[in-house]
């Protein structure tokens, strides 16, 4: 009876220009975009990946080259198709992709011209190009072809290689729009992005870079070292018991770590272990999907805050790619949220890890307190009046008391100086600095000679 309705429809094709511009706005950072391309290289079995930043002002380029299995012409055309694979398809357990959008959305977020050259073993090289301005102009999904023989020198390496793929970003307007080739400041800013990309890739792909059959990534010909968030080789790192959890009859492995206190690390090691963003930012859960890091330090909305005293807590969670929908993995592979029935277990594990991390963090302070409690007088008093906190210099401190006693006729001046100090303590600035850069606050008497410390105490 309703069959007529089923046959009545409109075909509403999206406007290519409008849609392709929308694909540029998925919220990718440069480093996340490069990581998405590296995902494809790893899935293709690459052992060596070269990333090249080349400065030419507004004509600057970024190229990602690998020695993976490459693609035939049909495979390349399909790979260039937005939505080349359904996220509902069952993936190979080692596949790092999901939505069939990564190559396109990651690239479009950074450039207006995406060229991909590829060569499969036993086949000739092929090149296809998405030119966003051309698509806007013609109003059709026209994927340009390029003859490898007359192509940019960037693709010449394909002629002598057995297999591999080269991704070339041109017209990278988000980075260099309007830049002059001779503008040294813009050139410096362009190359500063290398450090950001380097830190991010070393973190995201640390397992691949440190595995026995290690992947090698080079950025402007320099090898990329892995970053171990868990300091597993340090003797004072605490590895808490591993715990398996299960979701849809599939295993999830949870491994908590408590990292060493600052005094156990050299300044260089401490700074390196903080990772991109620093210690406070990098505490929490580390979600690995097929050995690829998705979330690098987050409490996953489980009710914990990132505090200075909890920053030594880092917890590995390993999930397979078959759980993407359940963990709400996004297109950028940078967000994950645990299934509801796992939240209580994860919260319990987090709480135990935080308790252990807090004990380690406060241990040094307790030792100092035991060693000096008999003789030490704290130089500041905390006071409360009308519900408001304020701080005063402790007049009973031996040094303060001696200064007042020996001031003679200048006692009023000394008192005035103390009052000025009390009333102008930069509390708001201290709070902001402690929140934003807790690891950069100098501790009392840090670096002072022991004899100077004894004299003050």
Protein backbone atom coordinates (compact mmCIF):
# COMPACT_ATOMS: atom_id res chain seq x y z
CA UNK A 1 0.00 0.00 0.00
CA UNK A 2 2.89 2.33 0.73
CA UNK A 3 5.11 1.06 -2.09
CA UNK A 4 4.55 4.26 -4.05
CA UNK A 5 6.05 6.26 -1.23
CA UNK A 6 9.12 4.04 -1.15
CA UNK A 7 9.79 4.77 -4.83
CA UNK A 8 9.40 8.54 -4.42
CA UNK A 9 12.58 10.35 -3.51
CA UNK A 10 14.98 13.13 -4.42
CA UNK A 11 18.66 12.56 -5.07
CA UNK A 12 20.45 15.31 -3.13
CA UNK A 13 24.11 15.27 -4.02
CA UNK A 14 26.30 17.44 -1.80
CA UNK A 15 27.95 20.43 -3.40
CA UNK A 16 31.59 19.31 -3.88
CA UNK A 17 33.12 22.70 -3.17
CA UNK A 18 31.08 23.33 -0.04
CA UNK A 19 31.60 19.83 1.35
CA UNK A 20 35.32 19.73 0.67
CA UNK A 21 35.75 23.07 2.44
CA UNK A 22 33.80 21.64 5.40
CA UNK A 23 36.20 18.69 5.50
CA UNK A 24 38.94 21.21 6.28
CA UNK A 25 37.31 22.06 9.61
CA UNK A 26 37.55 18.81 11.57
CA UNK A 27 39.81 20.43 14.16
CA UNK A 28 43.10 18.78 13.23
CA UNK A 29 46.34 20.26 14.50
CA UNK A 30 49.38 20.02 12.23
CA UNK A 31 50.92 17.27 14.36
CA UNK A 32 47.67 15.26 14.46
CA UNK A 33 47.38 15.58 10.68
CA UNK A 34 50.90 14.26 10.11
CA UNK A 35 50.22 11.41 12.57
CA UNK A 36 47.14 10.40 10.57
CA UNK A 37 49.25 10.07 7.42
CA UNK A 38 51.85 8.06 9.35
CA UNK A 39 49.01 5.72 10.43
CA UNK A 40 48.46 4.85 6.77
CA UNK A 41 52.17 4.21 6.25
CA UNK A 42 52.32 1.84 9.22
CA UNK A 43 49.20 -0.01 8.06
CA UNK A 44 50.91 -0.39 4.67
CA UNK A 45 53.83 -2.15 6.36
CA UNK A 46 56.36 0.67 6.05
CA UNK A 47 59.67 0.27 7.87
CA UNK A 48 61.00 3.72 7.02
CA UNK A 49 59.03 6.96 6.91
CA UNK A 50 60.58 10.27 5.87
CA UNK A 51 58.85 13.58 6.64
CA UNK A 52 60.26 16.62 4.87
CA UNK A 53 59.44 20.25 5.68
CA UNK A 54 60.63 22.50 2.81
CA UNK A 55 60.52 26.29 3.06
CA UNK A 56 59.66 28.30 -0.05
CA UNK A 57 57.52 31.05 1.47
CA UNK A 58 53.91 30.69 0.36
CA UNK A 59 55.01 27.78 -1.86
CA UNK A 60 56.38 25.75 1.07
CA UNK A 61 55.59 22.05 1.15
CA UNK A 62 55.39 19.10 3.52
CA UNK A 63 56.00 15.59 2.19
CA UNK A 64 55.54 12.20 3.90
CA UNK A 65 57.30 9.30 2.12
CA UNK A 66 57.26 5.61 3.04
CA UNK A 67 58.50 2.24 1.79
CA UNK A 68 55.25 0.39 2.45
CA UNK A 69 53.41 -1.90 0.04
CA UNK A 70 52.11 0.99 -2.06
CA UNK A 71 48.92 1.03 -4.16
CA UNK A 72 47.84 0.15 -7.66
CA UNK A 73 45.97 2.73 -9.72
CA UNK A 74 42.54 1.44 -8.68
CA UNK A 75 43.59 1.27 -5.04
CA UNK A 76 44.93 4.82 -5.12
CA UNK A 77 41.79 6.23 -6.71
CA UNK A 78 39.69 4.52 -4.03
CA UNK A 79 42.01 5.75 -1.27
CA UNK A 80 41.54 9.32 -2.53
CA UNK A 81 37.75 8.94 -2.31
CA UNK A 82 36.27 10.69 0.77
CA UNK A 83 34.77 7.88 2.85
CA UNK A 84 36.78 5.20 1.05
CA UNK A 85 35.79 2.60 3.67
CA UNK A 86 32.79 2.33 5.95
CA UNK A 87 33.53 2.60 9.69
CA UNK A 88 31.12 -0.33 10.11
CA UNK A 89 33.42 -2.69 8.19
CA UNK A 90 35.39 -5.20 10.21
CA UNK A 91 39.03 -4.17 10.10
CA UNK A 92 42.23 -6.16 10.15
CA UNK A 93 43.41 -6.25 13.79
CA UNK A 94 46.55 -4.31 12.80
CA UNK A 95 44.69 -1.63 10.82
CA UNK A 96 45.11 1.85 12.33
CA UNK A 97 42.29 3.38 10.25
CA UNK A 98 38.55 3.46 10.81
CA UNK A 99 36.50 6.05 8.92
CA UNK A 100 38.09 6.06 5.46
CA UNK A 101 38.57 9.80 5.86
CA UNK A 102 41.97 10.19 7.49
CA UNK A 103 44.13 10.82 4.42
CA UNK A 104 41.70 13.40 3.06
CA UNK A 105 40.55 15.24 6.17
CA UNK A 106 44.02 15.34 7.73
CA UNK A 107 45.51 16.67 4.49
CA UNK A 108 42.72 19.10 3.62
CA UNK A 109 42.97 20.60 7.11
CA UNK A 110 46.50 21.74 6.25
CA UNK A 111 46.65 22.24 2.49
CA UNK A 112 44.60 23.14 -0.57
CA UNK A 113 46.46 20.78 -2.88
CA UNK A 114 46.97 17.12 -1.97
CA UNK A 115 49.08 14.97 -4.29
CA UNK A 116 49.61 11.26 -3.65
CA UNK A 117 52.01 9.14 -5.65
CA UNK A 118 52.21 5.41 -5.07
CA UNK A 119 53.81 2.29 -6.47
CA UNK A 120 52.87 -1.31 -5.75
CA UNK A 121 55.37 -4.10 -6.36
CA UNK A 122 55.28 -5.10 -10.02
CA UNK A 123 53.32 -1.99 -11.06
CA UNK A 124 54.17 1.42 -12.47
CA UNK A 125 53.94 4.50 -10.25
CA UNK A 126 50.62 6.40 -10.29
CA UNK A 127 49.78 9.91 -9.07
CA UNK A 128 46.45 11.53 -8.22
CA UNK A 129 45.74 15.07 -7.03
CA UNK A 130 42.97 16.79 -5.11
CA UNK A 131 43.12 20.49 -5.96
CA UNK A 132 40.49 22.24 -3.83
CA UNK A 133 40.44 25.41 -5.91
CA UNK A 134 39.89 23.32 -9.05
CA UNK A 135 37.03 21.40 -7.40
CA UNK A 136 35.43 24.69 -6.36
CA UNK A 137 35.80 26.02 -9.88
CA UNK A 138 34.41 23.03 -11.77
CA UNK A 139 31.79 22.04 -9.18
CA UNK A 140 32.57 18.34 -9.58
CA UNK A 141 34.58 15.71 -7.74
CA UNK A 142 37.36 15.77 -10.33
CA UNK A 143 40.47 13.95 -9.19
CA UNK A 144 43.39 15.09 -11.31
CA UNK A 145 45.78 12.64 -12.92
CA UNK A 146 49.49 13.33 -13.29
CA UNK A 147 51.96 11.48 -15.48
CA UNK A 148 54.77 10.24 -13.21
CA UNK A 149 57.29 10.92 -15.98
CA UNK A 150 56.53 14.62 -15.96
CA UNK A 151 55.84 14.93 -12.25
CA UNK A 152 57.44 16.96 -9.51
CA UNK A 153 60.89 15.74 -8.45
CA UNK A 154 59.33 14.80 -5.11
CA UNK A 155 57.85 11.71 -6.78
CA UNK A 156 60.98 10.66 -8.67
CA UNK A 157 61.98 8.29 -5.84
CA UNK A 158 59.08 6.03 -6.83
CA UNK A 159 60.82 5.19 -10.10
CA UNK A 160 63.69 3.41 -8.34
CA UNK A 161 61.84 1.95 -5.35
CA UNK A 162 60.19 -1.46 -5.20
CA UNK A 163 57.08 -0.02 -3.58
CA UNK A 164 55.97 2.90 -1.46
CA UNK A 165 53.79 5.99 -1.20
CA UNK A 166 54.50 9.72 -1.16
CA UNK A 167 51.99 12.26 0.19
CA UNK A 168 52.71 15.85 -0.80
CA UNK A 169 51.00 18.87 0.75
CA UNK A 170 51.13 22.07 -1.29
CA UNK A 171 49.42 25.41 -0.74
CA UNK A 172 49.60 24.85 3.02
CA UNK A 173 47.65 28.04 3.68
CA UNK A 174 47.05 27.33 7.36
CA UNK A 175 50.82 27.65 7.93
CA UNK A 176 52.28 29.96 5.31
CA UNK A 177 49.50 31.98 3.68
CA UNK A 178 50.93 35.30 2.50
CA UNK A 179 54.48 34.41 3.60
CA UNK A 180 57.41 35.82 1.65
CA UNK A 181 60.29 33.46 0.93
CA UNK A 182 62.78 35.99 2.33
CA UNK A 183 60.82 36.57 5.56
CA UNK A 184 63.25 35.04 8.07
CA UNK A 185 60.78 35.28 10.95
CA UNK A 186 58.09 33.34 9.04
CA UNK A 187 60.72 30.80 8.03
CA UNK A 188 61.75 30.39 11.66
CA UNK A 189 58.12 29.88 12.72
CA UNK A 190 57.66 27.31 9.93
CA UNK A 191 60.57 25.23 11.11
CA UNK A 192 59.51 25.55 14.76
CA UNK A 193 56.59 23.31 13.84
CA UNK A 194 59.10 20.50 13.37
CA UNK A 195 59.73 20.36 17.12
CA UNK A 196 56.00 20.12 17.82
CA UNK A 197 55.53 17.37 15.23
CA UNK A 198 58.62 15.56 16.50
CA UNK A 199 57.37 15.51 20.11
CA UNK A 200 53.90 14.39 19.09
CA UNK A 201 55.01 11.56 16.79
CA UNK A 202 57.59 10.32 19.30
CA UNK A 203 54.78 10.10 21.85
CA UNK A 204 52.01 8.66 19.65
CA UNK A 205 54.16 6.02 17.93
CA UNK A 206 56.54 5.25 20.81
CA UNK A 207 55.72 1.53 20.78
CA UNK A 208 56.41 1.19 17.06
CA UNK A 209 59.68 3.12 17.35
CA UNK A 210 61.00 1.02 20.24
CA UNK A 211 59.82 -2.43 19.11
CA UNK A 212 62.36 -5.14 18.10
CA UNK A 213 61.33 -4.79 14.44
CA UNK A 214 61.37 -1.09 14.87
CA UNK A 215 59.81 1.46 12.61
CA UNK A 216 62.11 4.33 11.71
CA UNK A 217 60.77 7.85 11.23
CA UNK A 218 62.96 10.66 9.96
CA UNK A 219 62.04 14.34 10.07
CA UNK A 220 64.19 16.40 7.70
CA UNK A 221 66.62 13.46 7.67
CA UNK A 222 66.97 13.31 11.47
CA UNK A 223 65.85 10.08 13.19
CA UNK A 224 62.93 10.41 15.57
CA UNK A 225 63.48 8.95 19.06
CA UNK A 226 60.58 7.33 20.94
CA UNK A 227 59.21 8.90 24.13
CA UNK A 228 58.47 6.43 26.92
CA UNK A 229 55.73 7.96 29.11
CA UNK A 230 56.24 5.34 31.83
CA UNK A 231 60.01 5.38 32.50
CA UNK A 232 59.94 1.59 32.57
CA UNK A 233 63.71 1.30 32.75
CA UNK A 234 64.09 3.55 35.79
CA UNK A 235 64.74 1.61 39.01
CA UNK A 236 62.29 3.65 41.13
CA UNK A 237 59.35 3.48 38.72
CA UNK A 238 56.55 1.45 40.34
CA UNK A 239 54.64 -0.96 38.11
CA UNK A 240 51.39 -1.81 39.86
CA UNK A 241 49.62 -5.13 39.16
CA UNK A 242 48.25 -5.52 35.65
CA UNK A 243 44.50 -6.01 35.54
CA UNK A 244 42.42 -7.47 32.68
CA UNK A 245 38.95 -6.05 32.04
CA UNK A 246 36.44 -7.40 29.54
CA UNK A 247 34.03 -5.74 27.15
CA UNK A 248 31.86 -7.74 24.73
CA UNK A 249 33.97 -10.80 25.59
CA UNK A 250 37.11 -8.99 24.44
CA UNK A 251 40.06 -8.31 26.71
CA UNK A 252 41.25 -4.86 27.74
CA UNK A 253 44.57 -4.67 29.57
CA UNK A 254 45.14 -2.02 32.25
CA UNK A 255 48.65 -1.38 33.63
CA UNK A 256 49.18 1.38 36.21
CA UNK A 257 52.55 3.09 36.75
CA UNK A 258 53.79 5.46 39.43
CA UNK A 259 56.72 7.46 38.13
CA UNK A 260 59.77 8.52 40.18
CA UNK A 261 59.82 11.64 42.30
CA UNK A 262 61.74 14.58 40.85
CA UNK A 263 64.75 14.10 43.13
CA UNK A 264 65.31 10.66 41.57
CA UNK A 265 65.80 12.17 38.10
CA UNK A 266 68.36 14.49 36.57
CA UNK A 267 67.06 17.85 35.37
CA UNK A 268 67.30 16.69 31.77
CA UNK A 269 65.56 13.37 32.45
CA UNK A 270 62.84 15.09 34.46
CA UNK A 271 62.08 17.55 31.67
CA UNK A 272 62.07 14.79 29.05
CA UNK A 273 59.78 12.56 31.14
CA UNK A 274 57.25 15.37 31.41
CA UNK A 275 56.52 14.99 27.72
CA UNK A 276 54.69 17.45 25.47
CA UNK A 277 52.86 19.88 27.74
CA UNK A 278 54.63 18.86 30.95
CA UNK A 279 53.97 16.61 33.93
CA UNK A 280 50.58 17.94 34.99
CA UNK A 281 49.16 17.65 31.49
CA UNK A 282 50.44 14.10 30.93
CA UNK A 283 49.03 12.40 34.05
CA UNK A 284 46.13 9.99 33.79
CA UNK A 285 45.10 7.25 31.38
CA UNK A 286 46.99 6.42 28.19
CA UNK A 287 44.68 4.75 25.69
CA UNK A 288 46.49 2.59 23.14
CA UNK A 289 44.62 1.27 20.11
CA UNK A 290 46.64 -1.35 18.23
CA UNK A 291 49.78 0.02 19.91
CA UNK A 292 49.02 3.51 18.60
CA UNK A 293 48.50 6.10 21.34
CA UNK A 294 45.06 7.73 21.11
CA UNK A 295 44.83 9.56 24.45
CA UNK A 296 48.04 10.75 26.11
CA UNK A 297 47.10 11.50 29.70
CA UNK A 298 43.48 12.11 30.68
CA UNK A 299 41.22 11.11 33.57
CA UNK A 300 38.44 10.29 31.06
CA UNK A 301 35.75 12.21 32.89
CA UNK A 302 35.93 9.84 35.87
CA UNK A 303 35.89 12.62 38.46
CA UNK A 304 39.61 13.21 39.01
CA UNK A 305 41.37 16.52 38.52
CA UNK A 306 44.89 17.07 37.27
CA UNK A 307 46.69 18.16 40.43
CA UNK A 308 50.39 18.57 41.14
CA UNK A 309 50.35 15.81 43.77
CA UNK A 310 48.80 13.29 41.33
CA UNK A 311 51.09 13.96 38.37
CA UNK A 312 53.20 10.81 38.90
CA UNK A 313 50.21 8.59 38.03
CA UNK A 314 50.08 7.21 34.47
CA UNK A 315 47.95 4.23 33.46
CA UNK A 316 48.07 2.20 30.24
CA UNK A 317 44.82 0.94 28.73
CA UNK A 318 45.15 -1.32 25.66
CA UNK A 319 42.10 -1.72 23.42
CA UNK A 320 41.64 -3.39 19.98
CA UNK A 321 40.28 -1.48 16.96
CA UNK A 322 37.07 -3.51 17.17
CA UNK A 323 36.02 -1.35 20.14
CA UNK A 324 36.19 2.00 18.33
CA UNK A 325 32.47 2.65 18.49
CA UNK A 326 32.19 1.57 22.14
CA UNK A 327 35.09 3.85 23.13
CA UNK A 328 33.81 6.68 20.90
CA UNK A 329 37.09 7.03 19.00
CA UNK A 330 36.81 10.16 16.83
CA UNK A 331 37.99 10.74 13.25
CA UNK A 332 41.19 12.45 14.42
CA UNK A 333 42.00 9.50 16.72
CA UNK A 334 42.57 11.88 19.61
CA UNK A 335 39.49 11.36 21.80
CA UNK A 336 38.23 8.27 23.64
CA UNK A 337 35.54 7.70 26.26
CA UNK A 338 35.14 4.37 28.09
CA UNK A 339 31.95 2.30 27.91
CA UNK A 340 29.65 2.90 30.88
CA UNK A 341 30.09 -0.51 32.49
CA UNK A 342 33.90 -0.10 32.60
CA UNK A 343 33.87 3.27 34.35
CA UNK A 344 33.67 1.92 37.91
CA UNK A 345 36.61 -0.45 37.38
CA UNK A 346 38.70 2.26 35.75
CA UNK A 347 37.82 4.68 38.54
CA UNK A 348 38.86 2.11 41.15
CA UNK A 349 42.19 1.51 39.42
CA UNK A 350 42.76 5.24 39.02
CA UNK A 351 42.04 5.88 42.69
CA UNK A 352 44.55 3.25 43.84
CA UNK A 353 47.19 4.59 41.46
CA UNK A 354 46.59 8.17 42.57
CA UNK A 355 46.91 7.17 46.23
CA UNK A 356 50.27 5.53 45.55
CA UNK A 357 51.44 8.46 43.40
CA UNK A 358 50.41 10.98 46.05
CA UNK A 359 52.34 9.07 48.70
CA UNK A 360 55.48 9.15 46.54
CA UNK A 361 55.01 12.84 45.77
CA UNK A 362 54.68 13.77 49.44
CA UNK A 363 57.34 11.39 50.74
CA UNK A 364 60.23 13.81 50.29
CA UNK A 365 58.38 16.50 52.20
CA UNK A 366 57.77 14.10 55.08
CA UNK A 367 61.45 13.20 55.24
CA UNK A 368 62.46 16.85 55.42
CA UNK A 369 59.86 17.44 58.10
CA UNK A 370 61.18 14.59 60.26
CA UNK A 371 64.75 15.75 59.89
CA UNK A 372 64.10 19.37 60.80
CA UNK A 373 60.93 19.44 62.90
CA UNK A 374 62.73 19.95 66.22
CA UNK A 375 64.58 23.07 65.12
CA UNK A 376 62.65 24.43 62.18
CA UNK A 377 60.17 27.30 62.66
CA UNK A 378 57.99 28.05 59.65
CA UNK A 379 58.54 31.66 58.52
CA UNK A 380 54.92 32.31 57.53
CA UNK A 381 51.66 32.20 59.48
CA UNK A 382 48.34 31.38 57.82
CA UNK A 383 45.48 33.43 59.29
CA UNK A 384 41.72 33.58 58.75
CA UNK A 385 39.58 36.62 59.43
CA UNK A 386 35.93 36.98 58.39
CA UNK A 387 36.34 33.89 56.24
CA UNK A 388 39.27 35.41 54.33
CA UNK A 389 42.77 33.92 54.30
CA UNK A 390 45.83 36.12 54.69
CA UNK A 391 49.49 35.53 55.50
CA UNK A 392 51.85 37.21 57.95
CA UNK A 393 55.55 36.89 58.64
CA UNK A 394 56.15 34.81 61.77
CA UNK A 395 57.71 37.25 64.27
CA UNK A 396 58.81 34.23 66.34
CA UNK A 397 61.11 32.94 63.63
CA UNK A 398 64.67 33.23 65.01
CA UNK A 399 65.93 35.34 62.12
CA UNK A 400 62.94 37.69 62.20
CA UNK A 401 63.02 37.98 65.99
CA UNK A 402 66.76 38.75 65.90
CA UNK A 403 66.29 41.38 63.20
CA UNK A 404 63.59 43.10 65.27
CA UNK A 405 65.57 42.88 68.50
CA UNK A 406 68.72 44.30 66.93
CA UNK A 407 66.97 47.02 64.94
CA UNK A 408 67.18 49.54 67.82
CA UNK A 409 65.78 52.87 66.70
CA UNK A 410 64.94 51.36 63.30
CA UNK A 411 62.38 48.89 64.65
CA UNK A 412 59.48 50.83 63.11
CA UNK A 413 61.21 50.69 59.73
CA UNK A 414 61.71 46.93 60.02
CA UNK A 415 58.05 46.47 61.03
CA UNK A 416 56.97 48.65 58.11
CA UNK A 417 59.06 46.54 55.75
CA UNK A 418 57.52 43.30 57.10
CA UNK A 419 54.03 44.77 56.77
CA UNK A 420 54.75 45.79 53.17
CA UNK A 421 55.90 42.25 52.36
CA UNK A 422 52.78 40.77 54.00
CA UNK A 423 50.36 43.04 52.17
CA UNK A 424 51.95 42.59 48.75
CA UNK A 425 52.50 38.83 48.54
CA UNK A 426 51.59 38.15 44.86
CA UNK A 427 49.08 35.42 45.69
CA UNK A 428 47.11 35.59 42.38
CA UNK A 429 50.33 35.33 40.37
CA UNK A 430 51.55 32.41 42.49
CA UNK A 431 48.24 30.59 42.00
CA UNK A 432 48.31 31.10 38.22
CA UNK A 433 51.94 30.00 37.91
CA UNK A 434 51.36 26.95 40.11
CA UNK A 435 48.36 25.97 38.00
CA UNK A 436 49.90 26.54 34.57
CA UNK A 437 53.55 25.67 35.20
CA UNK A 438 53.82 23.73 38.47
CA UNK A 439 57.04 22.04 37.42
CA UNK A 440 58.79 25.35 36.82
CA UNK A 441 58.30 26.75 40.34
CA UNK A 442 61.55 26.88 42.24
CA UNK A 443 61.46 25.04 45.57
CA UNK A 444 62.68 26.76 48.77
CA UNK A 445 66.49 26.92 48.84
CA UNK A 446 66.73 24.85 45.67
CA UNK A 447 70.36 24.89 44.55
CA UNK A 448 71.60 26.70 47.68
CA UNK A 449 74.84 25.49 49.32
CA UNK A 450 74.21 23.36 52.41
CA UNK A 451 76.09 25.78 54.68
CA UNK A 452 73.79 28.61 53.59
CA UNK A 453 70.75 26.46 54.32
CA UNK A 454 72.06 25.57 57.79
CA UNK A 455 72.66 29.25 58.56
CA UNK A 456 69.08 30.15 57.71
CA UNK A 457 67.57 27.18 59.53
